[in-house]
Amino acid sequence: MNGAAIGSGTVPTLVTFYSTTANLGIYSGTGIPSFSSAQGSLYIRVDGAAATALYLNTSVTSGTTWTAVT
């Protein structure tokens, strides 16, 4: 398994997988996510507390609405 440097909230690291939905992915980084991606994308925050360690993109269209999963 190859590792990658963890990006910031504005330039996240993307775990690539194949999907027919554009910009759908699993991302990781530091800080609150503020980048655009498809609804259903996940963001793993590596510097957050347990209550803010995972975010789900809840935008109806590709957007920047990220909701912490608690």
N, C-alpha and C. Protein backbone atom coordinates (compact mmCIF):
# COMPACT_ATOMS: atom_id res chain seq x y z
N MET A 1 0.84 -1.17 0.00
CA MET A 1 0.00 0.00 0.00
C MET A 1 0.89 1.23 0.00
N ASN A 2 0.64 2.14 -0.91
CA ASN A 2 1.42 3.37 -0.99
C ASN A 2 0.78 4.45 -0.16
N GLY A 3 1.58 5.21 0.57
CA GLY A 3 1.06 6.31 1.35
C GLY A 3 1.19 7.62 0.59
N ALA A 4 0.43 8.60 1.00
CA ALA A 4 0.49 9.93 0.41
C ALA A 4 0.48 10.95 1.53
N ALA A 5 1.10 12.08 1.29
CA ALA A 5 1.09 13.15 2.28
C ALA A 5 -0.34 13.63 2.48
N ILE A 6 -0.65 13.99 3.71
CA ILE A 6 -1.99 14.48 4.02
C ILE A 6 -2.05 15.95 3.67
N GLY A 7 -3.05 16.33 2.90
CA GLY A 7 -3.21 17.72 2.48
C GLY A 7 -4.00 18.54 3.48
N SER A 8 -4.14 19.82 3.20
CA SER A 8 -4.94 20.69 4.06
C SER A 8 -6.40 20.60 3.66
N GLY A 9 -7.28 21.29 4.39
CA GLY A 9 -8.70 21.26 4.09
C GLY A 9 -9.04 21.82 2.72
N THR A 10 -8.19 22.72 2.20
CA THR A 10 -8.47 23.29 0.89
C THR A 10 -7.81 22.51 -0.23
N VAL A 11 -6.79 21.73 0.08
CA VAL A 11 -6.14 20.89 -0.93
C VAL A 11 -6.03 19.49 -0.34
N PRO A 12 -7.13 18.74 -0.33
CA PRO A 12 -7.15 17.45 0.34
C PRO A 12 -6.47 16.36 -0.46
N THR A 13 -6.12 15.30 0.23
CA THR A 13 -5.63 14.09 -0.41
C THR A 13 -6.85 13.27 -0.81
N LEU A 14 -6.88 12.79 -2.04
CA LEU A 14 -8.02 12.01 -2.53
C LEU A 14 -7.65 10.55 -2.61
N VAL A 15 -8.49 9.70 -2.03
CA VAL A 15 -8.37 8.26 -2.22
C VAL A 15 -9.16 7.95 -3.48
N THR A 16 -8.47 7.53 -4.51
CA THR A 16 -9.11 7.34 -5.81
C THR A 16 -9.86 6.02 -5.88
N PHE A 17 -11.06 6.08 -6.41
CA PHE A 17 -11.81 4.89 -6.74
C PHE A 17 -12.68 5.22 -7.94
N TYR A 18 -13.24 4.22 -8.56
CA TYR A 18 -13.99 4.43 -9.79
C TYR A 18 -15.47 4.60 -9.50
N SER A 19 -16.05 5.63 -10.10
CA SER A 19 -17.46 5.92 -9.93
C SER A 19 -17.96 6.66 -11.16
N THR A 20 -19.23 6.53 -11.46
CA THR A 20 -19.80 7.27 -12.57
C THR A 20 -20.20 8.67 -12.15
N THR A 21 -20.09 8.99 -10.86
CA THR A 21 -20.41 10.32 -10.35
C THR A 21 -19.15 11.17 -10.32
N ALA A 22 -19.19 12.32 -10.99
CA ALA A 22 -18.02 13.21 -11.02
C ALA A 22 -17.74 13.77 -9.64
N ASN A 23 -16.47 13.88 -9.29
CA ASN A 23 -15.99 14.47 -8.03
C ASN A 23 -16.43 13.72 -6.77
N LEU A 24 -16.85 12.48 -6.90
CA LEU A 24 -17.18 11.68 -5.73
C LEU A 24 -15.91 11.04 -5.21
N GLY A 25 -15.66 11.14 -3.91
CA GLY A 25 -14.43 10.55 -3.39
C GLY A 25 -14.39 10.50 -1.88
N ILE A 26 -13.30 9.92 -1.40
CA ILE A 26 -12.98 9.88 0.01
C ILE A 26 -11.70 10.69 0.16
N TYR A 27 -11.76 11.75 0.95
CA TYR A 27 -10.65 12.68 1.08
C TYR A 27 -10.14 12.68 2.51
N SER A 28 -8.90 13.12 2.69
CA SER A 28 -8.38 13.33 4.04
C SER A 28 -7.56 14.60 4.05
N GLY A 29 -7.47 15.21 5.22
CA GLY A 29 -6.69 16.43 5.35
C GLY A 29 -6.85 17.02 6.72
N THR A 30 -6.33 18.23 6.88
CA THR A 30 -6.43 18.93 8.15
C THR A 30 -7.38 20.11 7.99
N GLY A 31 -8.01 20.48 9.06
CA GLY A 31 -8.94 21.61 9.03
C GLY A 31 -10.31 21.21 8.53
N ILE A 32 -11.23 22.16 8.61
CA ILE A 32 -12.60 21.94 8.15
C ILE A 32 -12.60 21.94 6.64
N PRO A 33 -13.26 20.98 5.99
CA PRO A 33 -13.27 20.95 4.53
C PRO A 33 -14.00 22.16 3.94
N SER A 34 -13.42 22.72 2.88
CA SER A 34 -14.03 23.88 2.23
C SER A 34 -13.95 23.77 0.71
N PHE A 35 -13.64 22.61 0.22
CA PHE A 35 -13.51 22.41 -1.22
C PHE A 35 -14.80 21.81 -1.77
N SER A 36 -14.94 21.82 -3.08
CA SER A 36 -16.14 21.32 -3.74
C SER A 36 -15.98 19.86 -4.13
N SER A 37 -17.02 19.08 -3.88
CA SER A 37 -17.05 17.68 -4.31
C SER A 37 -18.50 17.24 -4.43
N ALA A 38 -18.71 16.03 -4.87
CA ALA A 38 -20.07 15.51 -5.08
C ALA A 38 -20.74 15.12 -3.76
N GLN A 39 -22.06 15.19 -3.77
CA GLN A 39 -22.85 14.74 -2.63
C GLN A 39 -22.49 13.29 -2.33
N GLY A 40 -22.30 12.97 -1.05
CA GLY A 40 -21.95 11.62 -0.64
C GLY A 40 -20.47 11.41 -0.43
N SER A 41 -19.64 12.39 -0.82
CA SER A 41 -18.20 12.28 -0.59
C SER A 41 -17.91 12.33 0.90
N LEU A 42 -16.84 11.67 1.30
CA LEU A 42 -16.43 11.66 2.71
C LEU A 42 -15.11 12.40 2.86
N TYR A 43 -14.94 13.05 4.00
CA TYR A 43 -13.70 13.75 4.33
C TYR A 43 -13.29 13.32 5.74
N ILE A 44 -12.08 12.81 5.88
CA ILE A 44 -11.54 12.39 7.16
C ILE A 44 -10.59 13.47 7.63
N ARG A 45 -10.95 14.13 8.73
CA ARG A 45 -10.12 15.20 9.28
C ARG A 45 -9.16 14.59 10.28
N VAL A 46 -7.87 14.68 10.00
CA VAL A 46 -6.88 14.01 10.83
C VAL A 46 -6.45 14.83 12.05
N ASP A 47 -6.87 16.08 12.13
CA ASP A 47 -6.50 16.90 13.28
C ASP A 47 -7.70 17.32 14.12
N GLY A 48 -8.86 16.72 13.90
CA GLY A 48 -10.08 17.09 14.62
C GLY A 48 -10.33 16.21 15.83
N ALA A 49 -11.20 16.68 16.70
CA ALA A 49 -11.64 15.88 17.82
C ALA A 49 -12.54 14.77 17.28
N ALA A 50 -12.86 13.81 18.10
CA ALA A 50 -13.68 12.68 17.66
C ALA A 50 -15.00 13.14 17.05
N ALA A 51 -15.59 14.22 17.57
CA ALA A 51 -16.89 14.70 17.07
C ALA A 51 -16.78 15.38 15.71
N THR A 52 -15.57 15.75 15.31
CA THR A 52 -15.40 16.42 14.01
C THR A 52 -14.34 15.72 13.16
N ALA A 53 -14.21 14.44 13.31
CA ALA A 53 -13.19 13.70 12.56
C ALA A 53 -13.69 13.22 11.21
N LEU A 54 -15.00 13.17 10.99
CA LEU A 54 -15.55 12.68 9.73
C LEU A 54 -16.64 13.63 9.25
N TYR A 55 -16.58 13.97 7.97
CA TYR A 55 -17.56 14.86 7.36
C TYR A 55 -18.16 14.19 6.13
N LEU A 56 -19.42 14.51 5.85
CA LEU A 56 -20.14 14.02 4.69
C LEU A 56 -20.57 15.22 3.86
N ASN A 57 -20.34 15.16 2.55
CA ASN A 57 -20.79 16.25 1.69
C ASN A 57 -22.28 16.05 1.45
N THR A 58 -23.08 17.02 1.88
CA THR A 58 -24.53 16.92 1.77
C THR A 58 -25.10 17.86 0.72
N SER A 59 -24.26 18.38 -0.15
CA SER A 59 -24.71 19.26 -1.23
C SER A 59 -25.58 18.48 -2.19
N VAL A 60 -26.66 19.09 -2.67
CA VAL A 60 -27.51 18.43 -3.66
C VAL A 60 -26.76 18.33 -4.98
N THR A 61 -25.99 19.34 -5.32
CA THR A 61 -25.11 19.30 -6.49
C THR A 61 -23.69 19.45 -5.96
N SER A 62 -22.70 19.27 -6.80
CA SER A 62 -21.32 19.43 -6.33
C SER A 62 -21.18 20.77 -5.63
N GLY A 63 -20.74 20.74 -4.42
CA GLY A 63 -20.64 21.97 -3.65
C GLY A 63 -19.79 21.81 -2.41
N THR A 64 -19.90 22.78 -1.54
CA THR A 64 -19.04 22.83 -0.36
C THR A 64 -19.82 22.68 0.94
N THR A 65 -20.97 22.03 0.91
CA THR A 65 -21.74 21.82 2.14
C THR A 65 -21.28 20.52 2.80
N TRP A 66 -20.46 20.65 3.83
CA TRP A 66 -19.92 19.52 4.55
C TRP A 66 -20.57 19.47 5.93
N THR A 67 -21.05 18.30 6.33
CA THR A 67 -21.71 18.11 7.62
C THR A 67 -20.92 17.11 8.44
N ALA A 68 -20.58 17.52 9.68
CA ALA A 68 -19.85 16.62 10.56
C ALA A 68 -20.73 15.43 10.93
N VAL A 69 -20.18 14.24 10.87
CA VAL A 69 -20.88 13.03 11.24
C VAL A 69 -20.63 12.82 12.73
N THR A 70 -21.71 12.87 13.51
CA THR A 70 -21.54 12.73 14.96
C THR A 70 -22.27 11.51 15.47
